[in-house]
Amino acid sequence: MTGAAPLPLIEAVDLTRAFGGLVAVNKVSLAVHTGEIVGLIGPNGAGKTTMFNMLAGSLAPSAGTIAFEGRDVTRAPAHERARLGIARTFQITSVFPMLTTRDNIRTATYRTRGAGWLASTFRTAAWRRDEAAIDAVADEVLAFCDLAAQADIRADALSYGEQRRLEVAIALAAAPRLLLLDEPAAGLNPEEGQRLVGIIRKVRDRGVTVLLVEHHMRVVMGVCDRIVVLDHGARIAEGTPQEVAGNADVVRVYLGREQAHA
């Protein structure tokens, strides 16, 4: 007798979002399993960002359900999903510009601190242990994201590519189970894009599942195990990069446009 198939880490069923008379996402189902890197792609206006924001908890669905590790989180706000182990980055860089790279990363660790405000006020032994643990996390994540040399540099003095890596580092410092990456390669040159691909692979290797929305097809095809394609709010294809690249509907609505502008 074989055991039951493992539950998806996150699963959306018939997810729908309407803005007045406009249906941006229409009954889209999506499952991401532990250890996967899954890409969510489609042309502009396909509904990717709306879908992504519903999964992250920053936008409530009009209909449908979302489960994380089998738990219904459809109406759970973003901060509650963060406590459960869902972290995200944003399309536009969102770091604290006046803080150093290290201090930006430290801000993400306070969700997991145990000493409390009283210990912080009186600088107790428990607080000192917390601070040492936070420093250790920051050092590890800085090295992981190739930012150790920039640890004490203010975030607004980092290059654009370094800021994008810092966003990933901040998300990782919160010890997520699932990392949602919102167009992480946007604005990156080819060299930075390849560096990002390497970091995303390392993220998966450290036990973090990844779902990314991305326009750069080289990044998507180079890093994803599976790809889901949206068009006009509906799912039109799903499969491996090779299967999606050979799908006639995908070529017509998305890949063909990329090739036309190459």
C-alpha atoms as a PDB file:
ATOM      1  CA  MET A   1       0.000   0.000   0.000  1.00  0.00           C
ATOM      2  CA  THR A   2       1.490   3.296  -1.059  1.00  0.00           C
ATOM      3  CA  GLY A   3       1.260   6.471   1.004  1.00  0.00           C
ATOM      4  CA  ALA A   4      -0.736   9.504  -0.003  1.00  0.00           C
ATOM      5  CA  ALA A   5       0.962  12.055  -2.224  1.00  0.00           C
ATOM      6  CA  PRO A   6       2.453  14.932  -0.230  1.00  0.00           C
ATOM      7  CA  LEU A   7       0.419  18.115  -0.026  1.00  0.00           C
ATOM      8  CA  PRO A   8       1.624  21.069  -2.078  1.00  0.00           C
ATOM      9  CA  LEU A   9       3.487  23.666  -0.043  1.00  0.00           C
ATOM     10  CA  ILE A  10       1.107  26.281  -1.441  1.00  0.00           C
ATOM     11  CA  GLU A  11      -1.990  25.644  -3.522  1.00  0.00           C
ATOM     12  CA  ALA A  12      -4.492  27.996  -5.124  1.00  0.00           C
ATOM     13  CA  VAL A  13      -7.792  26.602  -6.394  1.00  0.00           C
ATOM     14  CA  ASP A  14      -9.996  28.541  -8.822  1.00  0.00           C
ATOM     15  CA  LEU A  15      -8.470  31.822  -7.682  1.00  0.00           C
ATOM     16  CA  THR A  16     -10.340  34.809  -9.088  1.00  0.00           C
ATOM     17  CA  ARG A  17      -9.948  38.560  -8.742  1.00  0.00           C
ATOM     18  CA  ALA A  18     -12.261  41.142 -10.271  1.00  0.00           C
ATOM     19  CA  PHE A  19     -11.814  44.906 -10.247  1.00  0.00           C
ATOM     20  CA  GLY A  20     -15.299  46.161 -10.972  1.00  0.00           C
ATOM     21  CA  GLY A  21     -16.209  44.704 -14.346  1.00  0.00           C
ATOM     22  CA  LEU A  22     -12.603  43.668 -15.130  1.00  0.00           C
ATOM     23  CA  VAL A  23     -11.668  40.098 -14.232  1.00  0.00           C
ATOM     24  CA  ALA A  24      -7.880  40.202 -13.850  1.00  0.00           C
ATOM     25  CA  VAL A  25      -7.549  36.549 -12.752  1.00  0.00           C
ATOM     26  CA  ASN A  26     -10.216  34.032 -13.695  1.00  0.00           C
ATOM     27  CA  LYS A  27     -10.399  30.681 -11.872  1.00  0.00           C
ATOM     28  CA  VAL A  28      -6.668  29.988 -11.904  1.00  0.00           C
ATOM     29  CA  SER A  29      -5.402  26.946 -10.018  1.00  0.00           C
ATOM     30  CA  LEU A  30      -1.744  26.596  -9.109  1.00  0.00           C
ATOM     31  CA  ALA A  31       0.239  24.229  -6.883  1.00  0.00           C
ATOM     32  CA  VAL A  32       3.872  24.533  -5.823  1.00  0.00           C
ATOM     33  CA  HIS A  33       5.548  21.603  -4.074  1.00  0.00           C
ATOM     34  CA  THR A  34       8.383  21.690  -1.575  1.00  0.00           C
ATOM     35  CA  GLY A  35      11.771  21.964  -3.281  1.00  0.00           C
ATOM     36  CA  GLU A  36      10.489  23.350  -6.579  1.00  0.00           C
ATOM     37  CA  ILE A  37      11.400  26.499  -8.474  1.00  0.00           C
ATOM     38  CA  VAL A  38       8.245  27.498 -10.340  1.00  0.00           C
ATOM     39  CA  GLY A  39       7.919  30.394 -12.773  1.00  0.00           C
ATOM     40  CA  LEU A  40       4.726  32.365 -13.393  1.00  0.00           C
ATOM     41  CA  ILE A  41       4.901  34.079 -16.784  1.00  0.00           C
ATOM     42  CA  GLY A  42       2.731  35.781 -19.365  1.00  0.00           C
ATOM     43  CA  PRO A  43       2.499  38.958 -21.427  1.00  0.00           C
ATOM     44  CA  ASN A  44       1.693  42.335 -19.878  1.00  0.00           C
ATOM     45  CA  GLY A  45      -1.846  42.332 -18.507  1.00  0.00           C
ATOM     46  CA  ALA A  46      -1.949  38.555 -18.153  1.00  0.00           C
ATOM     47  CA  GLY A  47      -2.761  38.708 -14.427  1.00  0.00           C
ATOM     48  CA  LYS A  48       0.641  37.648 -13.048  1.00  0.00           C
ATOM     49  CA  THR A  49       1.044  40.442 -10.518  1.00  0.00           C
ATOM     50  CA  THR A  50      -2.563  40.120  -9.346  1.00  0.00           C
ATOM     51  CA  MET A  51      -2.093  36.377  -8.862  1.00  0.00           C
ATOM     52  CA  PHE A  52       1.205  36.934  -7.079  1.00  0.00           C
ATOM     53  CA  ASN A  53      -0.279  39.531  -4.728  1.00  0.00           C
ATOM     54  CA  MET A  54      -3.145  37.211  -3.808  1.00  0.00           C
ATOM     55  CA  LEU A  55      -0.685  34.436  -2.952  1.00  0.00           C
ATOM     56  CA  ALA A  56       1.412  36.864  -0.884  1.00  0.00           C
ATOM     57  CA  GLY A  57      -1.606  38.156   1.035  1.00  0.00           C
ATOM     58  CA  SER A  58      -1.486  41.778  -0.072  1.00  0.00           C
ATOM     59  CA  LEU A  59      -4.637  41.401  -2.205  1.00  0.00           C
ATOM     60  CA  ALA A  60      -7.778  39.491  -1.267  1.00  0.00           C
ATOM     61  CA  PRO A  61      -9.286  37.191  -3.899  1.00  0.00           C
ATOM     62  CA  SER A  62     -12.844  37.669  -5.097  1.00  0.00           C
ATOM     63  CA  ALA A  63     -13.301  33.896  -5.140  1.00  0.00           C
ATOM     64  CA  GLY A  64     -11.285  30.708  -4.771  1.00  0.00           C
ATOM     65  CA  THR A  65      -9.038  29.369  -2.021  1.00  0.00           C
ATOM     66  CA  ILE A  66      -5.363  29.406  -1.029  1.00  0.00           C
ATOM     67  CA  ALA A  67      -3.810  26.784   1.259  1.00  0.00           C
ATOM     68  CA  PHE A  68      -0.296  26.774   2.731  1.00  0.00           C
ATOM     69  CA  GLU A  69       0.847  23.349   3.948  1.00  0.00           C
ATOM     70  CA  GLY A  70      -2.819  22.314   3.912  1.00  0.00           C
ATOM     71  CA  ARG A  71      -3.934  25.272   6.053  1.00  0.00           C
ATOM     72  CA  ASP A  72      -6.508  27.656   4.588  1.00  0.00           C
ATOM     73  CA  VAL A  73      -4.881  31.092   4.343  1.00  0.00           C
ATOM     74  CA  THR A  74      -7.299  32.600   1.823  1.00  0.00           C
ATOM     75  CA  ARG A  75      -8.196  35.493   4.138  1.00  0.00           C
ATOM     76  CA  ALA A  76      -4.948  35.597   6.107  1.00  0.00           C
ATOM     77  CA  PRO A  77      -3.143  38.965   5.842  1.00  0.00           C
ATOM     78  CA  ALA A  78       0.427  39.223   4.601  1.00  0.00           C
ATOM     79  CA  HIS A  79       1.967  39.482   8.084  1.00  0.00           C
ATOM     80  CA  GLU A  80       0.268  36.269   9.194  1.00  0.00           C
ATOM     81  CA  ARG A  81       1.518  34.467   6.088  1.00  0.00           C
ATOM     82  CA  ALA A  82       5.011  35.773   6.867  1.00  0.00           C
ATOM     83  CA  ARG A  83       4.803  34.150  10.311  1.00  0.00           C
ATOM     84  CA  LEU A  84       3.847  30.880   8.629  1.00  0.00           C
ATOM     85  CA  GLY A  85       6.941  31.056   6.421  1.00  0.00           C
ATOM     86  CA  ILE A  86       6.044  32.998   3.259  1.00  0.00           C
ATOM     87  CA  ALA A  87       8.420  35.806   2.282  1.00  0.00           C
ATOM     88  CA  ARG A  88       8.385  38.001  -0.807  1.00  0.00           C
ATOM     89  CA  THR A  89      10.324  40.596  -2.742  1.00  0.00           C
ATOM     90  CA  PHE A  90       8.851  43.432  -4.809  1.00  0.00           C
ATOM     91  CA  GLN A  91       9.019  44.598  -8.424  1.00  0.00           C
ATOM     92  CA  ILE A  92      10.444  47.941  -7.333  1.00  0.00           C
ATOM     93  CA  THR A  93      13.399  47.813  -4.961  1.00  0.00           C
ATOM     94  CA  SER A  94      12.161  48.288  -1.409  1.00  0.00           C
ATOM     95  CA  VAL A  95      15.115  48.543   0.952  1.00  0.00           C
ATOM     96  CA  PHE A  96      15.800  51.054   3.731  1.00  0.00           C
ATOM     97  CA  PRO A  97      18.144  53.451   1.881  1.00  0.00           C
ATOM     98  CA  MET A  98      19.637  55.110   4.968  1.00  0.00           C
ATOM     99  CA  LEU A  99      20.533  51.815   6.679  1.00  0.00           C
ATOM    100  CA  THR A 100      23.600  49.741   5.949  1.00  0.00           C
ATOM    101  CA  THR A 101      23.296  46.496   4.043  1.00  0.00           C
ATOM    102  CA  ARG A 102      23.792  44.568   7.295  1.00  0.00           C
ATOM    103  CA  ASP A 103      21.138  46.566   9.166  1.00  0.00           C
ATOM    104  CA  ASN A 104      18.652  46.069   6.333  1.00  0.00           C
ATOM    105  CA  ILE A 105      19.098  42.328   6.776  1.00  0.00           C
ATOM    106  CA  ARG A 106      18.856  42.579  10.559  1.00  0.00           C
ATOM    107  CA  THR A 107      15.396  44.155  10.282  1.00  0.00           C
ATOM    108  CA  ALA A 108      14.030  40.910   8.829  1.00  0.00           C
ATOM    109  CA  THR A 109      15.198  38.784  11.763  1.00  0.00           C
ATOM    110  CA  TYR A 110      13.126  40.428  14.472  1.00  0.00           C
ATOM    111  CA  ARG A 111      10.103  38.299  13.591  1.00  0.00           C
ATOM    112  CA  THR A 112      12.000  35.311  15.002  1.00  0.00           C
ATOM    113  CA  ARG A 113      13.452  37.014  18.089  1.00  0.00           C
ATOM    114  CA  GLY A 114      12.426  35.516  21.413  1.00  0.00           C
ATOM    115  CA  ALA A 115      13.806  37.843  24.117  1.00  0.00           C
ATOM    116  CA  GLY A 116      11.039  40.473  23.903  1.00  0.00           C
ATOM    117  CA  TRP A 117      10.878  44.209  24.448  1.00  0.00           C
ATOM    118  CA  LEU A 118      11.648  44.112  28.166  1.00  0.00           C
ATOM    119  CA  ALA A 119      14.909  42.253  27.570  1.00  0.00           C
ATOM    120  CA  SER A 120      15.769  44.751  24.835  1.00  0.00           C
ATOM    121  CA  THR A 121      15.116  47.686  27.153  1.00  0.00           C
ATOM    122  CA  PHE A 122      17.389  46.369  29.921  1.00  0.00           C
ATOM    123  CA  ARG A 123      19.969  44.716  27.646  1.00  0.00           C
ATOM    124  CA  THR A 124      19.695  41.400  29.463  1.00  0.00           C
ATOM    125  CA  ALA A 125      21.711  38.245  28.789  1.00  0.00           C
ATOM    126  CA  ALA A 126      18.821  36.944  26.692  1.00  0.00           C
ATOM    127  CA  TRP A 127      18.914  40.121  24.609  1.00  0.00           C
ATOM    128  CA  ARG A 128      22.684  39.749  24.104  1.00  0.00           C
ATOM    129  CA  ARG A 129      22.204  36.170  22.951  1.00  0.00           C
ATOM    130  CA  ASP A 130      19.522  37.340  20.522  1.00  0.00           C
ATOM    131  CA  GLU A 131      21.806  40.039  19.131  1.00  0.00           C
ATOM    132  CA  ALA A 132      24.625  37.548  18.636  1.00  0.00           C
ATOM    133  CA  ALA A 133      22.268  35.178  16.831  1.00  0.00           C
ATOM    134  CA  ILE A 134      20.989  38.005  14.626  1.00  0.00           C
ATOM    135  CA  ASP A 135      24.550  39.001  13.731  1.00  0.00           C
ATOM    136  CA  ALA A 136      25.312  35.397  12.808  1.00  0.00           C
ATOM    137  CA  VAL A 137      22.250  35.231  10.537  1.00  0.00           C
ATOM    138  CA  ALA A 138      23.194  38.542   8.907  1.00  0.00           C
ATOM    139  CA  ASP A 139      26.766  37.384   8.279  1.00  0.00           C
ATOM    140  CA  GLU A 140      25.595  34.105   6.754  1.00  0.00           C
ATOM    141  CA  VAL A 141      23.015  35.741   4.486  1.00  0.00           C
ATOM    142  CA  LEU A 142      25.463  38.470   3.420  1.00  0.00           C
ATOM    143  CA  ALA A 143      27.930  35.819   2.291  1.00  0.00           C
ATOM    144  CA  PHE A 144      25.196  33.724   0.675  1.00  0.00           C
ATOM    145  CA  CYS A 145      24.029  36.634  -1.496  1.00  0.00           C
ATOM    146  CA  ASP A 146      27.573  37.816  -2.374  1.00  0.00           C
ATOM    147  CA  LEU A 147      27.184  40.969  -0.284  1.00  0.00           C
ATOM    148  CA  ALA A 148      29.764  40.470   2.467  1.00  0.00           C
ATOM    149  CA  ALA A 149      32.023  43.173   1.032  1.00  0.00           C
ATOM    150  CA  GLN A 150      29.096  45.628   1.078  1.00  0.00           C
ATOM    151  CA  ALA A 151      27.995  44.841   4.662  1.00  0.00           C
ATOM    152  CA  ASP A 152      28.701  48.310   6.072  1.00  0.00           C
ATOM    153  CA  ILE A 153      27.731  50.329   3.004  1.00  0.00           C
ATOM    154  CA  ARG A 154      24.477  52.265   3.050  1.00  0.00           C
ATOM    155  CA  ALA A 155      21.831  50.669   0.844  1.00  0.00           C
ATOM    156  CA  ASP A 156      21.416  53.805  -1.271  1.00  0.00           C
ATOM    157  CA  ALA A 157      25.107  53.547  -2.240  1.00  0.00           C
ATOM    158  CA  LEU A 158      24.750  49.998  -3.586  1.00  0.00           C
ATOM    159  CA  SER A 159      24.527  49.319  -7.307  1.00  0.00           C
ATOM    160  CA  TYR A 160      21.101  48.373  -8.646  1.00  0.00           C
ATOM    161  CA  GLY A 161      22.119  44.731  -8.937  1.00  0.00           C
ATOM    162  CA  GLU A 162      23.378  44.726  -5.351  1.00  0.00           C
ATOM    163  CA  GLN A 163      20.093  46.219  -4.157  1.00  0.00           C
ATOM    164  CA  ARG A 164      18.178  43.448  -5.897  1.00  0.00           C
ATOM    165  CA  ARG A 165      20.374  40.857  -4.167  1.00  0.00           C
ATOM    166  CA  LEU A 166      19.854  42.682  -0.882  1.00  0.00           C
ATOM    167  CA  GLU A 167      16.090  42.245  -1.264  1.00  0.00           C
ATOM    168  CA  VAL A 168      16.609  38.497  -1.600  1.00  0.00           C
ATOM    169  CA  ALA A 169      18.914  38.563   1.435  1.00  0.00           C
ATOM    170  CA  ILE A 170      16.305  40.402   3.529  1.00  0.00           C
ATOM    171  CA  ALA A 171      13.671  37.841   2.594  1.00  0.00           C
ATOM    172  CA  LEU A 172      15.995  34.926   3.420  1.00  0.00           C
ATOM    173  CA  ALA A 173      16.877  36.399   6.810  1.00  0.00           C
ATOM    174  CA  ALA A 174      13.255  35.830   7.851  1.00  0.00           C
ATOM    175  CA  ALA A 175      13.828  32.058   7.437  1.00  0.00           C
ATOM    176  CA  PRO A 176      10.982  31.427   4.962  1.00  0.00           C
ATOM    177  CA  ARG A 177       9.698  28.097   3.698  1.00  0.00           C
ATOM    178  CA  LEU A 178       8.435  29.737   0.492  1.00  0.00           C
ATOM    179  CA  LEU A 179      10.079  32.678  -1.267  1.00  0.00           C
ATOM    180  CA  LEU A 180       7.967  34.708  -3.702  1.00  0.00           C
ATOM    181  CA  LEU A 181      10.178  36.674  -6.101  1.00  0.00           C
ATOM    182  CA  ASP A 182       8.477  39.496  -8.016  1.00  0.00           C
ATOM    183  CA  GLU A 183      10.456  40.137 -11.223  1.00  0.00           C
ATOM    184  CA  PRO A 184      13.842  39.755  -9.493  1.00  0.00           C
ATOM    185  CA  ALA A 185      15.777  40.208 -12.762  1.00  0.00           C
ATOM    186  CA  ALA A 186      14.029  43.453 -13.763  1.00  0.00           C
ATOM    187  CA  GLY A 187      16.616  46.005 -14.855  1.00  0.00           C
ATOM    188  CA  LEU A 188      19.589  43.686 -14.444  1.00  0.00           C
ATOM    189  CA  ASN A 189      22.302  43.390 -17.076  1.00  0.00           C
ATOM    190  CA  PRO A 190      23.103  39.879 -18.398  1.00  0.00           C
ATOM    191  CA  GLU A 191      25.982  39.355 -15.956  1.00  0.00           C
ATOM    192  CA  GLU A 192      23.837  40.301 -12.942  1.00  0.00           C
ATOM    193  CA  GLY A 193      21.005  38.176 -14.315  1.00  0.00           C
ATOM    194  CA  GLN A 194      23.252  35.116 -14.399  1.00  0.00           C
ATOM    195  CA  ARG A 195      24.456  35.827 -10.875  1.00  0.00           C
ATOM    196  CA  LEU A 196      20.820  35.976  -9.781  1.00  0.00           C
ATOM    197  CA  VAL A 197      20.100  32.611 -11.411  1.00  0.00           C
ATOM    198  CA  GLY A 198      22.925  31.106  -9.368  1.00  0.00           C
ATOM    199  CA  ILE A 199      21.570  32.596  -6.137  1.00  0.00           C
ATOM    200  CA  ILE A 200      18.030  31.332  -6.833  1.00  0.00           C
ATOM    201  CA  ARG A 201      19.411  27.817  -7.328  1.00  0.00           C
ATOM    202  CA  LYS A 202      21.300  28.115  -4.041  1.00  0.00           C
ATOM    203  CA  VAL A 203      18.124  29.301  -2.330  1.00  0.00           C
ATOM    204  CA  ARG A 204      16.386  26.087  -3.369  1.00  0.00           C
ATOM    205  CA  ASP A 205      19.413  24.048  -2.286  1.00  0.00           C
ATOM    206  CA  ARG A 206      19.100  25.486   1.228  1.00  0.00           C
ATOM    207  CA  GLY A 207      15.556  24.141   1.467  1.00  0.00           C
ATOM    208  CA  VAL A 208      13.515  27.156   0.388  1.00  0.00           C
ATOM    209  CA  THR A 209      10.851  26.667  -2.286  1.00  0.00           C
ATOM    210  CA  VAL A 210      10.668  29.445  -4.891  1.00  0.00           C
ATOM    211  CA  LEU A 211       7.844  30.919  -6.970  1.00  0.00           C
ATOM    212  CA  LEU A 212       8.845  33.763  -9.251  1.00  0.00           C
ATOM    213  CA  VAL A 213       7.112  36.131 -11.622  1.00  0.00           C
ATOM    214  CA  GLU A 214       9.566  37.112 -14.315  1.00  0.00           C
ATOM    215  CA  HIS A 215       9.687  38.644 -17.811  1.00  0.00           C
ATOM    216  CA  HIS A 216      13.275  37.655 -18.628  1.00  0.00           C
ATOM    217  CA  MET A 217      12.890  34.363 -20.454  1.00  0.00           C
ATOM    218  CA  ARG A 218      16.570  33.456 -20.120  1.00  0.00           C
ATOM    219  CA  VAL A 219      16.216  33.596 -16.357  1.00  0.00           C
ATOM    220  CA  VAL A 220      12.925  31.666 -16.371  1.00  0.00           C
ATOM    221  CA  MET A 221      14.150  28.964 -18.731  1.00  0.00           C
ATOM    222  CA  GLY A 222      17.499  28.724 -16.967  1.00  0.00           C
ATOM    223  CA  VAL A 223      16.289  28.284 -13.400  1.00  0.00           C
ATOM    224  CA  CYS A 224      12.705  26.965 -13.258  1.00  0.00           C
ATOM    225  CA  ASP A 225      11.704  23.324 -12.846  1.00  0.00           C
ATOM    226  CA  ARG A 226       8.169  24.102 -13.958  1.00  0.00           C
ATOM    227  CA  ILE A 227       6.420  27.083 -15.545  1.00  0.00           C
ATOM    228  CA  VAL A 228       2.793  28.246 -15.408  1.00  0.00           C
ATOM    229  CA  VAL A 229       1.654  30.587 -18.184  1.00  0.00           C
ATOM    230  CA  LEU A 230      -1.182  33.098 -17.881  1.00  0.00           C
ATOM    231  CA  ASP A 231      -2.913  35.093 -20.595  1.00  0.00           C
ATOM    232  CA  HIS A 232      -5.862  37.458 -20.103  1.00  0.00           C
ATOM    233  CA  GLY A 233      -6.280  36.192 -16.543  1.00  0.00           C
ATOM    234  CA  ALA A 234      -6.485  32.498 -17.441  1.00  0.00           C
ATOM    235  CA  ARG A 235      -3.950  29.673 -17.228  1.00  0.00           C
ATOM    236  CA  ILE A 236      -3.121  28.531 -20.753  1.00  0.00           C
ATOM    237  CA  ALA A 237      -0.163  26.204 -20.176  1.00  0.00           C
ATOM    238  CA  GLU A 238       1.919  24.463 -17.536  1.00  0.00           C
ATOM    239  CA  GLY A 239       4.987  22.245 -17.797  1.00  0.00           C
ATOM    240  CA  THR A 240       8.738  22.041 -17.859  1.00  0.00           C
ATOM    241  CA  PRO A 241      10.645  24.844 -19.617  1.00  0.00           C
ATOM    242  CA  GLN A 242      11.025  22.581 -22.657  1.00  0.00           C
ATOM    243  CA  GLU A 243       7.318  21.748 -22.750  1.00  0.00           C
ATOM    244  CA  VAL A 244       6.287  25.377 -22.377  1.00  0.00           C
ATOM    245  CA  ALA A 245       8.770  26.558 -25.020  1.00  0.00           C
ATOM    246  CA  GLY A 246       7.212  24.102 -27.472  1.00  0.00           C
ATOM    247  CA  ASN A 247       3.602  24.962 -26.647  1.00  0.00           C
ATOM    248  CA  ALA A 248       1.929  26.629 -29.642  1.00  0.00           C
ATOM    249  CA  ASP A 249      -0.334  28.805 -27.480  1.00  0.00           C
ATOM    250  CA  VAL A 250       2.608  30.060 -25.447  1.00  0.00           C
ATOM    251  CA  VAL A 251       4.631  30.835 -28.532  1.00  0.00           C
ATOM    252  CA  ARG A 252       1.687  32.728 -29.928  1.00  0.00           C
ATOM    253  CA  VAL A 253       0.868  34.866 -26.881  1.00  0.00           C
ATOM    254  CA  TYR A 254       4.217  35.265 -25.167  1.00  0.00           C
ATOM    255  CA  LEU A 255       7.374  33.699 -26.529  1.00  0.00           C
ATOM    256  CA  GLY A 256       6.549  34.906 -30.010  1.00  0.00           C
ATOM    257  CA  ARG A 257       6.418  38.471 -28.744  1.00  0.00           C
ATOM    258  CA  GLU A 258       9.785  38.056 -27.069  1.00  0.00           C
ATOM    259  CA  GLN A 259      11.283  36.745 -30.284  1.00  0.00           C
ATOM    260  CA  ALA A 260       9.697  39.518 -32.311  1.00  0.00           C
ATOM    261  CA  HIS A 261      11.479  42.094 -30.133  1.00  0.00           C
ATOM    262  CA  ALA A 262      14.807  40.250 -29.916  1.00  0.00           C
END
